[in-house]
Protein backbone atom coordinates (compact mmCIF):
# COMPACT_ATOMS: atom_id res chain seq x y z
CA MET A 1 89.53 -17.00 149.14
CA THR A 2 89.68 -13.80 146.11
CA THR A 3 93.15 -13.96 145.95
CA ASP A 4 92.65 -18.02 144.57
CA LEU A 5 90.05 -17.11 142.40
CA LEU A 6 92.59 -14.62 141.18
CA TRP A 7 95.38 -17.09 140.50
CA GLN A 8 92.73 -19.69 138.81
CA TYR A 9 92.06 -16.99 136.35
CA LEU A 10 95.26 -16.11 135.64
CA LEU A 11 97.08 -19.84 135.75
CA GLN A 12 93.98 -20.72 132.70
CA GLY A 13 95.03 -17.63 130.93
CA ASP A 14 92.05 -15.94 131.05
CA ILE A 15 93.14 -12.19 131.60
CA LEU A 16 89.81 -10.61 130.85
CA GLY A 17 88.41 -12.51 133.49
CA PHE A 18 91.35 -11.61 135.67
CA VAL A 19 91.01 -7.55 135.10
CA GLN A 20 87.49 -8.26 135.83
CA ALA A 21 87.29 -10.64 138.47
CA VAL A 22 89.70 -8.19 140.18
CA PHE A 23 87.30 -5.29 139.68
CA THR A 24 84.40 -6.85 140.75
CA SER A 25 85.91 -8.01 143.82
CA VAL A 26 86.39 -4.20 144.57
CA LEU A 27 83.39 -2.42 143.78
CA GLY A 28 81.06 -5.48 143.55
CA ASP A 29 77.94 -4.32 142.63
CA LEU A 30 79.25 -1.02 141.50
CA PHE A 31 81.43 -2.36 138.80
CA TYR A 32 78.51 -3.12 136.53
CA GLY A 33 77.02 -0.21 137.47
CA PHE A 34 80.53 1.69 136.46
CA ILE A 35 80.27 0.07 133.16
CA MET A 36 76.61 1.58 132.68
CA LEU A 37 77.32 5.39 132.94
CA ILE A 38 79.95 5.21 131.12
CA VAL A 39 77.95 4.68 127.79
CA LEU A 40 75.21 6.79 129.74
CA VAL A 41 76.39 9.86 130.93
CA PRO A 42 77.96 10.99 127.50
CA LEU A 43 74.79 10.03 126.02
CA TYR A 44 72.86 12.23 127.77
CA ILE A 45 75.69 14.91 127.79
CA ARG A 46 75.44 14.50 123.73
CA THR A 47 71.63 13.84 123.28
CA GLN A 48 70.33 16.08 126.45
CA SER A 49 67.21 14.06 126.72
CA LEU A 50 66.09 11.58 129.41
CA LEU A 51 64.22 9.42 126.85
CA ALA A 52 67.21 8.50 124.96
CA VAL A 53 69.26 7.29 128.02
CA MET A 54 66.16 5.74 129.63
CA VAL A 55 65.79 3.25 126.21
CA VAL A 56 69.44 2.47 125.84
CA THR A 57 69.49 1.41 130.10
CA LEU A 58 66.64 -0.59 129.48
CA LEU A 59 68.71 -2.77 126.30
CA LEU A 60 72.25 -2.59 128.41
CA SER A 61 70.48 -3.40 131.27
CA GLY A 62 68.84 -6.02 129.71
CA LEU A 63 72.38 -7.67 128.16
CA PHE A 64 74.10 -6.93 131.20
CA TYR A 65 71.04 -9.23 132.75
CA SER A 66 71.68 -12.20 130.89
CA LEU A 67 75.32 -11.61 130.37
CA THR A 68 76.89 -10.63 133.88
CA PRO A 69 76.92 -13.09 136.70
CA VAL A 70 74.92 -13.60 140.00
CA GLY A 71 77.13 -10.92 141.40
CA GLY A 72 75.36 -8.34 139.08
CA ILE A 73 71.64 -9.08 138.40
CA GLY A 74 70.71 -6.92 141.94
CA LEU A 75 71.81 -3.75 140.20
CA MET A 76 70.70 -4.41 136.48
CA ARG A 77 67.28 -5.29 138.39
CA ILE A 78 67.08 -2.18 139.46
CA LEU A 79 68.54 -0.33 136.68
CA LEU A 80 65.28 -2.18 134.38
CA THR A 81 62.87 -1.30 137.13
CA VAL A 82 64.05 3.08 136.90
CA ALA A 83 63.95 2.80 133.53
CA LEU A 84 61.14 0.79 132.44
CA GLY A 85 59.42 3.41 135.20
CA GLY A 86 60.80 5.97 133.81
CA LEU A 87 59.51 5.03 130.15
CA LEU A 88 56.09 4.44 131.32
CA PHE A 89 56.11 7.85 133.37
CA TRP A 90 57.07 9.89 129.93
CA LEU A 91 54.18 7.97 127.71
CA PHE A 92 51.53 8.78 130.70
CA THR A 93 52.80 12.26 130.65
CA LYS A 94 52.41 12.26 126.69
CA VAL A 95 49.36 10.65 126.85
CA MET A 96 47.49 13.30 129.44
CA ARG A 97 48.27 15.66 128.00
C-alpha cells in the first residue's frame, strides 16, 4: 500500500511529496514533531526563554494544523494544547505575584 503511494508521487514528478511520504510512512506523527524540534530547540538554546518557545510553538502548530494532512493533526492538537496551557500558566503566575 505504501509503495503504491510512493510510486504515485514519483510518477507525477512530485519529489517533495515523495520525500515527505517516505518520512511520514516510517515515522508517522513524529515526523512533524521533529520538524518542530528543529526550530524550537535552537530557539530555546539561543534565548533561554520558555515564553518565546511557547509563542513560537503556538504559531507553528497552528500553521501546521492547517497545512498538514490528517496524519499529523493529532500531534499538532497536543502541541497547541500544551503551548496554550503553558502560556496561561505563565500569565496567571505573573498576575498573582
